[in-house]
């Protein structure tokens, strides 16, 4: 999957991970249940890196980026390490 577009607010690793899971795996039609419910939401940068490798995302476009300045460095480094370009 080359690119993921995220329009909901992203404030944390968890928000970014949940949005990537939703974009890649979607929502099943069965009672509105998410098809990704079994996939845990990343809560740290290592888990986010695992998700990026699993989904093969190469570009993430976020329209509502709200990650605190103190958290951006590690997040950008994790994305770069996996060869993922962030546009926000």
PDB file of N, CA and C in Angstrom:
ATOM      1  N   UNK A   1       0.856  -1.171   0.000  1.00  0.00           N
ATOM      2  CA  UNK A   1       0.000   0.000   0.000  1.00  0.00           C
ATOM      3  C   UNK A   1       0.900   1.231   0.000  1.00  0.00           C
ATOM      4  N   UNK A   2       0.874   1.989  -1.024  1.00  0.00           N
ATOM      5  CA  UNK A   2       1.779   3.130  -1.121  1.00  0.00           C
ATOM      6  C   UNK A   2       1.424   4.315  -0.227  1.00  0.00           C
ATOM      7  N   UNK A   3       0.135   4.701  -0.106  1.00  0.00           N
ATOM      8  CA  UNK A   3      -0.207   5.908   0.649  1.00  0.00           C
ATOM      9  C   UNK A   3      -1.470   5.710   1.472  1.00  0.00           C
ATOM     10  N   UNK A   4      -1.494   6.390   2.620  1.00  0.00           N
ATOM     11  CA  UNK A   4      -2.659   6.405   3.496  1.00  0.00           C
ATOM     12  C   UNK A   4      -3.007   7.863   3.741  1.00  0.00           C
ATOM     13  N   UNK A   5      -4.294   8.208   3.612  1.00  0.00           N
ATOM     14  CA  UNK A   5      -4.774   9.563   3.851  1.00  0.00           C
ATOM     15  C   UNK A   5      -5.618   9.559   5.125  1.00  0.00           C
ATOM     16  N   UNK A   6      -5.253  10.420   6.066  1.00  0.00           N
ATOM     17  CA  UNK A   6      -5.915  10.466   7.370  1.00  0.00           C
ATOM     18  C   UNK A   6      -6.509  11.854   7.555  1.00  0.00           C
ATOM     19  N   UNK A   7      -7.823  11.892   7.786  1.00  0.00           N
ATOM     20  CA  UNK A   7      -8.490  13.178   7.954  1.00  0.00           C
ATOM     21  C   UNK A   7      -8.915  13.442   9.388  1.00  0.00           C
ATOM     22  N   UNK A   8      -8.840  12.441  10.245  1.00  0.00           N
ATOM     23  CA  UNK A   8      -9.196  12.675  11.643  1.00  0.00           C
ATOM     24  C   UNK A   8      -7.992  13.227  12.409  1.00  0.00           C
ATOM     25  N   UNK A   9      -8.221  13.862  13.556  1.00  0.00           N
ATOM     26  CA  UNK A   9      -7.106  14.433  14.317  1.00  0.00           C
ATOM     27  C   UNK A   9      -6.097  13.372  14.754  1.00  0.00           C
ATOM     28  N   UNK A  10      -4.824  13.693  14.621  1.00  0.00           N
ATOM     29  CA  UNK A  10      -3.750  12.811  15.070  1.00  0.00           C
ATOM     30  C   UNK A  10      -2.967  13.567  16.137  1.00  0.00           C
ATOM     31  N   UNK A  11      -3.044  13.043  17.374  1.00  0.00           N
ATOM     32  CA  UNK A  11      -2.394  13.682  18.513  1.00  0.00           C
ATOM     33  C   UNK A  11      -1.296  12.822  19.127  1.00  0.00           C
ATOM     34  N   UNK A  12      -1.225  11.537  18.705  1.00  0.00           N
ATOM     35  CA  UNK A  12      -0.311  10.607  19.372  1.00  0.00           C
ATOM     36  C   UNK A  12       0.018   9.430  18.461  1.00  0.00           C
ATOM     37  N   UNK A  13       0.939   8.603  18.936  1.00  0.00           N
ATOM     38  CA  UNK A  13       1.260   7.354  18.233  1.00  0.00           C
ATOM     39  C   UNK A  13      -0.002   6.506  18.104  1.00  0.00           C
ATOM     40  N   UNK A  14      -0.794   6.449  19.172  1.00  0.00           N
ATOM     41  CA  UNK A  14      -2.027   5.662  19.155  1.00  0.00           C
ATOM     42  C   UNK A  14      -2.994   6.155  18.088  1.00  0.00           C
ATOM     43  N   UNK A  15      -3.166   7.474  18.010  1.00  0.00           N
ATOM     44  CA  UNK A  15      -4.064   8.034  16.997  1.00  0.00           C
ATOM     45  C   UNK A  15      -3.585   7.691  15.594  1.00  0.00           C
ATOM     46  N   UNK A  16      -2.282   7.844  15.368  1.00  0.00           N
ATOM     47  CA  UNK A  16      -1.733   7.553  14.046  1.00  0.00           C
ATOM     48  C   UNK A  16      -1.889   6.081  13.713  1.00  0.00           C
ATOM     49  N   UNK A  17      -1.563   5.221  14.662  1.00  0.00           N
ATOM     50  CA  UNK A  17      -1.691   3.779  14.444  1.00  0.00           C
ATOM     51  C   UNK A  17      -3.124   3.355  14.170  1.00  0.00           C
ATOM     52  N   UNK A  18      -4.055   3.867  14.961  1.00  0.00           N
ATOM     53  CA  UNK A  18      -5.471   3.523  14.772  1.00  0.00           C
ATOM     54  C   UNK A  18      -5.966   3.990  13.405  1.00  0.00           C
ATOM     55  N   UNK A  19      -5.533   5.171  12.989  1.00  0.00           N
ATOM     56  CA  UNK A  19      -5.959   5.698  11.691  1.00  0.00           C
ATOM     57  C   UNK A  19      -5.374   4.872  10.542  1.00  0.00           C
ATOM     58  N   UNK A  20      -4.130   4.448  10.678  1.00  0.00           N
ATOM     59  CA  UNK A  20      -3.525   3.605   9.639  1.00  0.00           C
ATOM     60  C   UNK A  20      -4.248   2.267   9.567  1.00  0.00           C
ATOM     61  N   UNK A  21      -4.535   1.674  10.720  1.00  0.00           N
ATOM     62  CA  UNK A  21      -5.271   0.402  10.740  1.00  0.00           C
ATOM     63  C   UNK A  21      -6.626   0.562  10.063  1.00  0.00           C
ATOM     64  N   UNK A  22      -7.353   1.632  10.400  1.00  0.00           N
ATOM     65  CA  UNK A  22      -8.670   1.865   9.796  1.00  0.00           C
ATOM     66  C   UNK A  22      -8.557   2.063   8.287  1.00  0.00           C
ATOM     67  N   UNK A  23      -7.545   2.806   7.846  1.00  0.00           N
ATOM     68  CA  UNK A  23      -7.393   3.081   6.411  1.00  0.00           C
ATOM     69  C   UNK A  23      -7.004   1.828   5.639  1.00  0.00           C
ATOM     70  N   UNK A  24      -6.149   1.013   6.209  1.00  0.00           N
ATOM     71  CA  UNK A  24      -5.655  -0.163   5.497  1.00  0.00           C
ATOM     72  C   UNK A  24      -6.649  -1.317   5.550  1.00  0.00           C
ATOM     73  N   UNK A  25      -7.192  -1.561   6.740  1.00  0.00           N
ATOM     74  CA  UNK A  25      -8.055  -2.725   6.912  1.00  0.00           C
ATOM     75  C   UNK A  25      -9.540  -2.407   6.796  1.00  0.00           C
ATOM     76  N   UNK A  26      -9.897  -1.136   6.911  1.00  0.00           N
ATOM     77  CA  UNK A  26     -11.287  -0.735   6.725  1.00  0.00           C
ATOM     78  C   UNK A  26     -12.217  -1.218   7.806  1.00  0.00           C
ATOM     79  N   UNK A  27     -13.498  -1.104   7.514  1.00  0.00           N
ATOM     80  CA  UNK A  27     -14.555  -1.523   8.432  1.00  0.00           C
ATOM     81  C   UNK A  27     -15.372  -2.587   7.745  1.00  0.00           C
ATOM     82  N   UNK A  28     -15.620  -3.678   8.442  1.00  0.00           N
ATOM     83  CA  UNK A  28     -16.437  -4.732   7.844  1.00  0.00           C
ATOM     84  C   UNK A  28     -17.893  -4.310   7.845  1.00  0.00           C
ATOM     85  N   UNK A  29     -18.676  -4.937   7.012  1.00  0.00           N
ATOM     86  CA  UNK A  29     -20.089  -4.594   6.917  1.00  0.00           C
ATOM     87  C   UNK A  29     -20.904  -5.279   8.001  1.00  0.00           C
ATOM     88  N   UNK A  30     -20.362  -6.288   8.656  1.00  0.00           N
ATOM     89  CA  UNK A  30     -21.064  -7.051   9.677  1.00  0.00           C
ATOM     90  C   UNK A  30     -21.292  -6.201  10.927  1.00  0.00           C
ATOM     91  N   UNK A  31     -22.471  -5.704  11.081  1.00  0.00           N
ATOM     92  CA  UNK A  31     -22.880  -4.923  12.251  1.00  0.00           C
ATOM     93  C   UNK A  31     -21.960  -3.743  12.531  1.00  0.00           C
ATOM     94  N   UNK A  32     -21.305  -3.247  11.480  1.00  0.00           N
ATOM     95  CA  UNK A  32     -20.437  -2.095  11.659  1.00  0.00           C
ATOM     96  C   UNK A  32     -19.157  -2.396  12.405  1.00  0.00           C
ATOM     97  N   UNK A  33     -18.874  -3.676  12.638  1.00  0.00           N
ATOM     98  CA  UNK A  33     -17.663  -4.031  13.381  1.00  0.00           C
ATOM     99  C   UNK A  33     -16.438  -3.804  12.518  1.00  0.00           C
ATOM    100  N   UNK A  34     -15.391  -3.359  13.141  1.00  0.00           N
ATOM    101  CA  UNK A  34     -14.148  -3.132  12.413  1.00  0.00           C
ATOM    102  C   UNK A  34     -13.471  -4.454  12.117  1.00  0.00           C
ATOM    103  N   UNK A  35     -12.976  -4.599  10.894  1.00  0.00           N
ATOM    104  CA  UNK A  35     -12.270  -5.823  10.529  1.00  0.00           C
ATOM    105  C   UNK A  35     -10.902  -5.870  11.170  1.00  0.00           C
ATOM    106  N   UNK A  36     -10.471  -4.744  11.740  1.00  0.00           N
ATOM    107  CA  UNK A  36      -9.155  -4.684  12.356  1.00  0.00           C
ATOM    108  C   UNK A  36      -9.214  -4.793  13.878  1.00  0.00           C
ATOM    109  N   UNK A  37     -10.385  -5.170  14.426  1.00  0.00           N
ATOM    110  CA  UNK A  37     -10.524  -5.215  15.872  1.00  0.00           C
ATOM    111  C   UNK A  37      -9.492  -6.127  16.520  1.00  0.00           C
ATOM    112  N   UNK A  38      -9.088  -7.182  15.833  1.00  0.00           N
ATOM    113  CA  UNK A  38      -8.112  -8.095  16.396  1.00  0.00           C
ATOM    114  C   UNK A  38      -6.705  -7.503  16.341  1.00  0.00           C
ATOM    115  N   UNK A  39      -6.487  -6.493  15.521  1.00  0.00           N
ATOM    116  CA  UNK A  39      -5.161  -5.871  15.381  1.00  0.00           C
ATOM    117  C   UNK A  39      -5.006  -4.815  16.462  1.00  0.00           C
ATOM    118  N   UNK A  40      -4.068  -5.019  17.395  1.00  0.00           N
ATOM    119  CA  UNK A  40      -3.906  -4.023  18.456  1.00  0.00           C
ATOM    120  C   UNK A  40      -3.376  -2.695  17.925  1.00  0.00           C
ATOM    121  N   UNK A  41      -3.853  -1.635  18.509  1.00  0.00           N
ATOM    122  CA  UNK A  41      -3.398  -0.289  18.148  1.00  0.00           C
ATOM    123  C   UNK A  41      -2.008  -0.084  18.747  1.00  0.00           C
ATOM    124  N   UNK A  42      -1.052   0.378  17.966  1.00  0.00           N
ATOM    125  CA  UNK A  42       0.291   0.625  18.485  1.00  0.00           C
ATOM    126  C   UNK A  42       0.268   1.676  19.597  1.00  0.00           C
ATOM    127  N   UNK A  43       0.957   1.384  20.672  1.00  0.00           N
ATOM    128  CA  UNK A  43       1.023   2.313  21.802  1.00  0.00           C
ATOM    129  C   UNK A  43       2.426   2.878  21.987  1.00  0.00           C
ATOM    130  N   UNK A  44       3.364   2.426  21.154  1.00  0.00           N
ATOM    131  CA  UNK A  44       4.723   2.947  21.223  1.00  0.00           C
ATOM    132  C   UNK A  44       5.323   2.930  19.820  1.00  0.00           C
ATOM    133  N   UNK A  45       6.499   3.501  19.676  1.00  0.00           N
ATOM    134  CA  UNK A  45       7.110   3.639  18.351  1.00  0.00           C
ATOM    135  C   UNK A  45       7.516   2.300  17.745  1.00  0.00           C
ATOM    136  N   UNK A  46       7.953   1.345  18.565  1.00  0.00           N
ATOM    137  CA  UNK A  46       8.311   0.025  18.036  1.00  0.00           C
ATOM    138  C   UNK A  46       7.092  -0.672  17.436  1.00  0.00           C
ATOM    139  N   UNK A  47       5.971  -0.585  18.128  1.00  0.00           N
ATOM    140  CA  UNK A  47       4.742  -1.198  17.621  1.00  0.00           C
ATOM    141  C   UNK A  47       4.268  -0.487  16.353  1.00  0.00           C
ATOM    142  N   UNK A  48       4.443   0.832  16.288  1.00  0.00           N
ATOM    143  CA  UNK A  48       4.083   1.572  15.078  1.00  0.00           C
ATOM    144  C   UNK A  48       4.959   1.112  13.910  1.00  0.00           C
ATOM    145  N   UNK A  49       6.251   0.946  14.150  1.00  0.00           N
ATOM    146  CA  UNK A  49       7.162   0.461  13.106  1.00  0.00           C
ATOM    147  C   UNK A  49       6.734  -0.917  12.614  1.00  0.00           C
ATOM    148  N   UNK A  50       6.327  -1.791  13.534  1.00  0.00           N
ATOM    149  CA  UNK A  50       5.831  -3.114  13.136  1.00  0.00           C
ATOM    150  C   UNK A  50       4.613  -2.990  12.227  1.00  0.00           C
ATOM    151  N   UNK A  51       3.694  -2.100  12.587  1.00  0.00           N
ATOM    152  CA  UNK A  51       2.494  -1.884  11.780  1.00  0.00           C
ATOM    153  C   UNK A  51       2.858  -1.375  10.390  1.00  0.00           C
ATOM    154  N   UNK A  52       3.787  -0.444  10.316  1.00  0.00           N
ATOM    155  CA  UNK A  52       4.192   0.107   9.020  1.00  0.00           C
ATOM    156  C   UNK A  52       4.815  -0.969   8.133  1.00  0.00           C
ATOM    157  N   UNK A  53       5.628  -1.837   8.728  1.00  0.00           N
ATOM    158  CA  UNK A  53       6.206  -2.946   7.951  1.00  0.00           C
ATOM    159  C   UNK A  53       5.115  -3.906   7.488  1.00  0.00           C
ATOM    160  N   UNK A  54       4.187  -4.205   8.384  1.00  0.00           N
ATOM    161  CA  UNK A  54       3.098  -5.136   8.079  1.00  0.00           C
ATOM    162  C   UNK A  54       2.214  -4.617   6.942  1.00  0.00           C
ATOM    163  N   UNK A  55       1.903  -3.331   6.976  1.00  0.00           N
ATOM    164  CA  UNK A  55       0.979  -2.754   5.993  1.00  0.00           C
ATOM    165  C   UNK A  55       1.677  -2.260   4.731  1.00  0.00           C
ATOM    166  N   UNK A  56       3.005  -2.116   4.805  1.00  0.00           N
ATOM    167  CA  UNK A  56       3.808  -1.647   3.667  1.00  0.00           C
ATOM    168  C   UNK A  56       3.434  -0.245   3.198  1.00  0.00           C
ATOM    169  N   UNK A  57       2.990   0.563   4.138  1.00  0.00           N
ATOM    170  CA  UNK A  57       2.665   1.955   3.848  1.00  0.00           C
ATOM    171  C   UNK A  57       3.963   2.706   3.557  1.00  0.00           C
ATOM    172  N   UNK A  58       3.954   3.523   2.528  1.00  0.00           N
ATOM    173  CA  UNK A  58       5.148   4.295   2.162  1.00  0.00           C
ATOM    174  C   UNK A  58       4.963   5.799   2.321  1.00  0.00           C
ATOM    175  N   UNK A  59       3.711   6.226   2.468  1.00  0.00           N
ATOM    176  CA  UNK A  59       3.434   7.653   2.612  1.00  0.00           C
ATOM    177  C   UNK A  59       2.175   7.811   3.460  1.00  0.00           C
ATOM    178  N   UNK A  60       2.236   8.738   4.409  1.00  0.00           N
ATOM    179  CA  UNK A  60       1.088   9.026   5.260  1.00  0.00           C
ATOM    180  C   UNK A  60       0.789  10.515   5.138  1.00  0.00           C
ATOM    181  N   UNK A  61      -0.445  10.825   4.739  1.00  0.00           N
ATOM    182  CA  UNK A  61      -0.889  12.210   4.616  1.00  0.00           C
ATOM    183  C   UNK A  61      -1.907  12.458   5.722  1.00  0.00           C
ATOM    184  N   UNK A  62      -1.597  13.415   6.597  1.00  0.00           N
ATOM    185  CA  UNK A  62      -2.466  13.736   7.727  1.00  0.00           C
ATOM    186  C   UNK A  62      -2.947  15.171   7.571  1.00  0.00           C
ATOM    187  N   UNK A  63      -4.264  15.358   7.523  1.00  0.00           N
ATOM    188  CA  UNK A  63      -4.804  16.709   7.334  1.00  0.00           C
ATOM    189  C   UNK A  63      -5.018  17.461   8.646  1.00  0.00           C
ATOM    190  N   UNK A  64      -5.038  16.745   9.773  1.00  0.00           N
ATOM    191  CA  UNK A  64      -5.289  17.391  11.070  1.00  0.00           C
ATOM    192  C   UNK A  64      -4.223  16.925  12.065  1.00  0.00           C
ATOM    193  N   UNK A  65      -2.991  17.388  11.866  1.00  0.00           N
ATOM    194  CA  UNK A  65      -1.826  16.997  12.668  1.00  0.00           C
ATOM    195  C   UNK A  65      -1.796  17.822  13.943  1.00  0.00           C
ATOM    196  N   UNK A  66      -1.908  17.142  15.105  1.00  0.00           N
ATOM    197  CA  UNK A  66      -1.921  17.831  16.392  1.00  0.00           C
ATOM    198  C   UNK A  66      -0.933  17.217  17.378  1.00  0.00           C
ATOM    199  N   UNK A  67       0.086  16.538  16.869  1.00  0.00           N
ATOM    200  CA  UNK A  67       1.072  15.890  17.739  1.00  0.00           C
ATOM    201  C   UNK A  67       1.889  16.970  18.448  1.00  0.00           C
ATOM    202  N   UNK A  68       2.022  16.869  19.776  1.00  0.00           N
ATOM    203  CA  UNK A  68       2.804  17.858  20.516  1.00  0.00           C
ATOM    204  C   UNK A  68       4.260  17.891  20.041  1.00  0.00           C
ATOM    205  N   UNK A  69       4.826  19.064  20.057  1.00  0.00           N
ATOM    206  CA  UNK A  69       6.201  19.278  19.594  1.00  0.00           C
ATOM    207  C   UNK A  69       7.187  18.290  20.240  1.00  0.00           C
ATOM    208  N   UNK A  70       6.998  18.004  21.521  1.00  0.00           N
ATOM    209  CA  UNK A  70       7.908  17.115  22.245  1.00  0.00           C
ATOM    210  C   UNK A  70       7.866  15.679  21.729  1.00  0.00           C
ATOM    211  N   UNK A  71       6.797  15.289  21.071  1.00  0.00           N
ATOM    212  CA  UNK A  71       6.647  13.917  20.587  1.00  0.00           C
ATOM    213  C   UNK A  71       7.009  13.738  19.120  1.00  0.00           C
ATOM    214  N   UNK A  72       7.201  14.823  18.402  1.00  0.00           N
ATOM    215  CA  UNK A  72       7.385  14.743  16.953  1.00  0.00           C
ATOM    216  C   UNK A  72       8.699  14.080  16.563  1.00  0.00           C
ATOM    217  N   UNK A  73       9.788  14.384  17.251  1.00  0.00           N
ATOM    218  CA  UNK A  73      11.102  13.875  16.874  1.00  0.00           C
ATOM    219  C   UNK A  73      11.159  12.362  16.760  1.00  0.00           C
ATOM    220  N   UNK A  74      10.748  11.672  17.809  1.00  0.00           N
ATOM    221  CA  UNK A  74      10.771  10.210  17.797  1.00  0.00           C
ATOM    222  C   UNK A  74       9.842   9.634  16.751  1.00  0.00           C
ATOM    223  N   UNK A  75       8.697  10.249  16.584  1.00  0.00           N
ATOM    224  CA  UNK A  75       7.728   9.782  15.597  1.00  0.00           C
ATOM    225  C   UNK A  75       8.276   9.925  14.186  1.00  0.00           C
ATOM    226  N   UNK A  76       8.868  11.071  13.884  1.00  0.00           N
ATOM    227  CA  UNK A  76       9.461  11.279  12.558  1.00  0.00           C
ATOM    228  C   UNK A  76      10.617  10.304  12.308  1.00  0.00           C
ATOM    229  N   UNK A  77      11.401  10.056  13.341  1.00  0.00           N
ATOM    230  CA  UNK A  77      12.513   9.114  13.211  1.00  0.00           C
ATOM    231  C   UNK A  77      12.007   7.695  12.929  1.00  0.00           C
ATOM    232  N   UNK A  78      10.959   7.281  13.631  1.00  0.00           N
ATOM    233  CA  UNK A  78      10.390   5.948  13.414  1.00  0.00           C
ATOM    234  C   UNK A  78       9.852   5.814  11.990  1.00  0.00           C
ATOM    235  N   UNK A  79       9.174   6.843  11.504  1.00  0.00           N
ATOM    236  CA  UNK A  79       8.655   6.814  10.133  1.00  0.00           C
ATOM    237  C   UNK A  79       9.802   6.756   9.132  1.00  0.00           C
ATOM    238  N   UNK A  80      10.816   7.587   9.327  1.00  0.00           N
ATOM    239  CA  UNK A  80      11.962   7.617   8.411  1.00  0.00           C
ATOM    240  C   UNK A  80      12.695   6.275   8.408  1.00  0.00           C
ATOM    241  N   UNK A  81      12.844   5.670   9.571  1.00  0.00           N
ATOM    242  CA  UNK A  81      13.522   4.370   9.654  1.00  0.00           C
ATOM    243  C   UNK A  81      12.807   3.309   8.827  1.00  0.00           C
ATOM    244  N   UNK A  82      11.500   3.452   8.687  1.00  0.00           N
ATOM    245  CA  UNK A  82      10.717   2.486   7.904  1.00  0.00           C
ATOM    246  C   UNK A  82      10.508   2.957   6.465  1.00  0.00           C
ATOM    247  N   UNK A  83      11.125   4.070   6.095  1.00  0.00           N
ATOM    248  CA  UNK A  83      11.021   4.571   4.732  1.00  0.00           C
ATOM    249  C   UNK A  83       9.666   5.189   4.405  1.00  0.00           C
ATOM    250  N   UNK A  84       9.000   5.703   5.439  1.00  0.00           N
ATOM    251  CA  UNK A  84       7.670   6.283   5.270  1.00  0.00           C
ATOM    252  C   UNK A  84       7.777   7.799   5.286  1.00  0.00           C
ATOM    253  N   UNK A  85       7.193   8.425   4.295  1.00  0.00           N
ATOM    254  CA  UNK A  85       7.168   9.892   4.210  1.00  0.00           C
ATOM    255  C   UNK A  85       5.878  10.392   4.851  1.00  0.00           C
ATOM    256  N   UNK A  86       6.021  11.388   5.722  1.00  0.00           N
ATOM    257  CA  UNK A  86       4.870  12.005   6.370  1.00  0.00           C
ATOM    258  C   UNK A  86       4.612  13.361   5.748  1.00  0.00           C
ATOM    259  N   UNK A  87       3.360  13.607   5.380  1.00  0.00           N
ATOM    260  CA  UNK A  87       2.940  14.909   4.886  1.00  0.00           C
ATOM    261  C   UNK A  87       1.848  15.387   5.833  1.00  0.00           C
ATOM    262  N   UNK A  88       2.059  16.560   6.420  1.00  0.00           N
ATOM    263  CA  UNK A  88       1.048  17.113   7.328  1.00  0.00           C
ATOM    264  C   UNK A  88       0.986  18.599   7.205  1.00  0.00           C
TER     265      UNK A  88
END
